Amino acid sequence: MYDMVFLNQVMDAEVITASLEDDLQDVLDSMDLNNMDTIPVVENDRFVGMIAKTRVLDLYRRELIMQTNIQ
């Protein structure tokens, strides 16, 4: 079924990315604006990782629990 499908036919060429210097709130706002759950992080034109909204929110939740001593 996929024998004749080429990568350039299924890839996204215009990818929204973040960099290590970007402000986290700006990245989250961009993700919301573009209906994205994850965003690739690029540095010096190279992929260095991904930011997932669920991971950020989980870390934020953990921090709130620690700060308020809620079990």
N, C-alpha and C. Protein backbone atom coordinates (compact mmCIF):
# COMPACT_ATOMS: atom_id res chain seq x y z
N MET A 1 0.82 -1.20 0.00
CA MET A 1 0.00 0.00 0.00
C MET A 1 0.86 1.27 0.00
N TYR A 2 1.97 1.26 0.75
CA TYR A 2 2.81 2.45 0.85
C TYR A 2 4.01 2.38 -0.08
N ASP A 3 4.02 1.44 -1.01
CA ASP A 3 5.18 1.25 -1.87
C ASP A 3 5.55 2.49 -2.66
N MET A 4 4.59 3.23 -3.14
CA MET A 4 4.87 4.37 -4.01
C MET A 4 4.71 5.72 -3.31
N VAL A 5 4.63 5.73 -1.98
CA VAL A 5 4.52 6.99 -1.25
C VAL A 5 5.93 7.47 -0.92
N PHE A 6 6.23 8.69 -1.31
CA PHE A 6 7.53 9.26 -1.05
C PHE A 6 7.47 10.18 0.16
N LEU A 7 8.57 10.30 0.85
CA LEU A 7 8.63 11.10 2.07
C LEU A 7 8.15 12.53 1.84
N ASN A 8 8.54 13.13 0.73
CA ASN A 8 8.15 14.52 0.48
C ASN A 8 6.65 14.67 0.27
N GLN A 9 5.93 13.56 0.08
CA GLN A 9 4.48 13.62 -0.07
C GLN A 9 3.76 13.62 1.27
N VAL A 10 4.40 13.17 2.31
CA VAL A 10 3.73 13.05 3.61
C VAL A 10 4.35 13.92 4.70
N MET A 11 5.47 14.56 4.42
CA MET A 11 6.14 15.35 5.45
C MET A 11 5.58 16.78 5.49
N ASP A 12 5.75 17.41 6.63
CA ASP A 12 5.46 18.83 6.78
C ASP A 12 6.73 19.61 6.49
N ALA A 13 6.70 20.49 5.52
CA ALA A 13 7.88 21.26 5.16
C ALA A 13 7.99 22.54 5.98
N GLU A 14 6.89 23.11 6.36
CA GLU A 14 6.86 24.35 7.15
C GLU A 14 6.61 24.01 8.61
N VAL A 15 7.64 23.65 9.34
CA VAL A 15 7.51 23.20 10.71
C VAL A 15 7.80 24.35 11.68
N ILE A 16 6.89 24.55 12.62
CA ILE A 16 7.10 25.55 13.67
C ILE A 16 8.02 24.93 14.71
N THR A 17 9.06 25.66 15.08
CA THR A 17 10.05 25.15 16.03
C THR A 17 10.28 26.15 17.16
N ALA A 18 10.96 25.67 18.18
CA ALA A 18 11.41 26.51 19.29
C ALA A 18 12.92 26.40 19.36
N SER A 19 13.54 27.35 20.06
CA SER A 19 14.98 27.26 20.30
C SER A 19 15.22 27.27 21.81
N LEU A 20 16.42 26.92 22.21
CA LEU A 20 16.75 26.85 23.63
C LEU A 20 16.65 28.21 24.32
N GLU A 21 16.75 29.28 23.56
CA GLU A 21 16.69 30.63 24.14
C GLU A 21 15.27 31.15 24.28
N ASP A 22 14.29 30.47 23.70
CA ASP A 22 12.90 30.94 23.73
C ASP A 22 12.33 30.89 25.15
N ASP A 23 11.48 31.86 25.44
CA ASP A 23 10.76 31.89 26.71
C ASP A 23 9.69 30.81 26.70
N LEU A 24 9.59 30.05 27.79
CA LEU A 24 8.64 28.93 27.84
C LEU A 24 7.21 29.39 27.60
N GLN A 25 6.82 30.53 28.17
CA GLN A 25 5.45 31.01 27.97
C GLN A 25 5.20 31.33 26.50
N ASP A 26 6.18 31.89 25.81
CA ASP A 26 6.03 32.17 24.38
C ASP A 26 5.86 30.88 23.58
N VAL A 27 6.62 29.85 23.96
CA VAL A 27 6.52 28.56 23.28
C VAL A 27 5.14 27.95 23.51
N LEU A 28 4.67 27.98 24.75
CA LEU A 28 3.33 27.44 25.05
C LEU A 28 2.25 28.22 24.31
N ASP A 29 2.39 29.54 24.24
CA ASP A 29 1.43 30.36 23.50
C ASP A 29 1.42 29.98 22.02
N SER A 30 2.61 29.77 21.46
CA SER A 30 2.72 29.37 20.05
C SER A 30 2.08 28.01 19.83
N MET A 31 2.28 27.10 20.77
CA MET A 31 1.67 25.78 20.67
C MET A 31 0.15 25.89 20.69
N ASP A 32 -0.39 26.73 21.59
CA ASP A 32 -1.83 26.93 21.64
C ASP A 32 -2.35 27.55 20.35
N LEU A 33 -1.67 28.58 19.88
CA LEU A 33 -2.08 29.29 18.67
C LEU A 33 -2.11 28.36 17.45
N ASN A 34 -1.17 27.42 17.41
CA ASN A 34 -1.06 26.52 16.26
C ASN A 34 -1.62 25.13 16.52
N ASN A 35 -2.35 24.99 17.64
CA ASN A 35 -3.00 23.73 17.98
C ASN A 35 -2.01 22.56 17.99
N MET A 36 -0.89 22.76 18.70
CA MET A 36 0.17 21.76 18.77
C MET A 36 0.28 21.22 20.19
N ASP A 37 0.52 19.93 20.31
CA ASP A 37 0.77 19.32 21.62
C ASP A 37 2.26 19.17 21.89
N THR A 38 3.06 19.10 20.84
CA THR A 38 4.51 19.02 20.96
C THR A 38 5.13 19.97 19.95
N ILE A 39 6.36 20.38 20.24
CA ILE A 39 7.07 21.26 19.31
C ILE A 39 8.55 20.87 19.31
N PRO A 40 9.14 20.75 18.13
CA PRO A 40 10.56 20.42 18.08
C PRO A 40 11.42 21.61 18.50
N VAL A 41 12.52 21.31 19.16
CA VAL A 41 13.49 22.33 19.55
C VAL A 41 14.70 22.19 18.63
N VAL A 42 15.08 23.32 18.03
CA VAL A 42 16.17 23.33 17.06
C VAL A 42 17.21 24.34 17.52
N GLU A 43 18.48 23.94 17.43
CA GLU A 43 19.59 24.83 17.77
C GLU A 43 20.66 24.68 16.70
N ASN A 44 21.10 25.80 16.12
CA ASN A 44 22.09 25.78 15.03
C ASN A 44 21.65 24.86 13.89
N ASP A 45 20.37 24.98 13.52
CA ASP A 45 19.78 24.21 12.43
C ASP A 45 19.80 22.70 12.66
N ARG A 46 19.88 22.29 13.93
CA ARG A 46 19.87 20.86 14.26
C ARG A 46 18.81 20.58 15.31
N PHE A 47 18.12 19.48 15.14
CA PHE A 47 17.12 19.04 16.10
C PHE A 47 17.83 18.64 17.40
N VAL A 48 17.34 19.20 18.55
CA VAL A 48 17.94 18.85 19.84
C VAL A 48 16.94 18.21 20.80
N GLY A 49 15.65 18.26 20.48
CA GLY A 49 14.66 17.63 21.34
C GLY A 49 13.25 18.10 21.04
N MET A 50 12.34 17.67 21.91
CA MET A 50 10.93 18.03 21.77
C MET A 50 10.43 18.58 23.10
N ILE A 51 9.49 19.51 23.02
CA ILE A 51 8.78 19.98 24.20
C ILE A 51 7.34 19.50 24.06
N ALA A 52 6.87 18.79 25.08
CA ALA A 52 5.49 18.32 25.10
C ALA A 52 4.72 19.12 26.15
N LYS A 53 3.56 19.61 25.76
CA LYS A 53 2.73 20.39 26.67
C LYS A 53 2.37 19.58 27.92
N THR A 54 2.12 18.29 27.75
CA THR A 54 1.77 17.45 28.90
C THR A 54 2.91 17.36 29.90
N ARG A 55 4.14 17.31 29.41
CA ARG A 55 5.32 17.24 30.30
C ARG A 55 5.47 18.55 31.08
N VAL A 56 5.30 19.67 30.41
CA VAL A 56 5.41 20.98 31.07
C VAL A 56 4.33 21.10 32.16
N LEU A 57 3.10 20.73 31.82
CA LEU A 57 2.01 20.84 32.79
C LEU A 57 2.20 19.88 33.96
N ASP A 58 2.75 18.69 33.70
CA ASP A 58 3.03 17.75 34.77
C ASP A 58 4.10 18.29 35.72
N LEU A 59 5.15 18.87 35.18
CA LEU A 59 6.19 19.47 36.03
C LEU A 59 5.64 20.64 36.84
N TYR A 60 4.78 21.45 36.22
CA TYR A 60 4.16 22.56 36.92
C TYR A 60 3.27 22.07 38.06
N ARG A 61 2.50 21.01 37.79
CA ARG A 61 1.64 20.42 38.82
C ARG A 61 2.47 19.90 39.99
N ARG A 62 3.56 19.22 39.69
CA ARG A 62 4.45 18.70 40.75
C ARG A 62 5.02 19.84 41.59
N GLU A 63 5.41 20.92 40.93
CA GLU A 63 5.96 22.07 41.65
C GLU A 63 4.91 22.69 42.56
N LEU A 64 3.68 22.81 42.06
CA LEU A 64 2.60 23.35 42.90
C LEU A 64 2.35 22.47 44.12
N ILE A 65 2.37 21.17 43.93
CA ILE A 65 2.18 20.24 45.04
C ILE A 65 3.28 20.42 46.07
N MET A 66 4.53 20.53 45.62
CA MET A 66 5.65 20.70 46.55
C MET A 66 5.54 22.02 47.31
N GLN A 67 5.16 23.09 46.62
CA GLN A 67 5.09 24.41 47.24
C GLN A 67 3.93 24.53 48.22
N THR A 68 2.86 23.81 47.98
CA THR A 68 1.68 23.93 48.85
C THR A 68 1.54 22.75 49.80
N ASN A 69 2.47 21.79 49.72
CA ASN A 69 2.44 20.61 50.59
C ASN A 69 1.14 19.83 50.49
N ILE A 70 0.55 19.79 49.32
CA ILE A 70 -0.67 19.01 49.10
C ILE A 70 -0.24 17.59 48.74
N GLN A 71 -0.85 16.64 49.36
CA GLN A 71 -0.50 15.24 49.10
C GLN A 71 -1.47 14.64 48.10
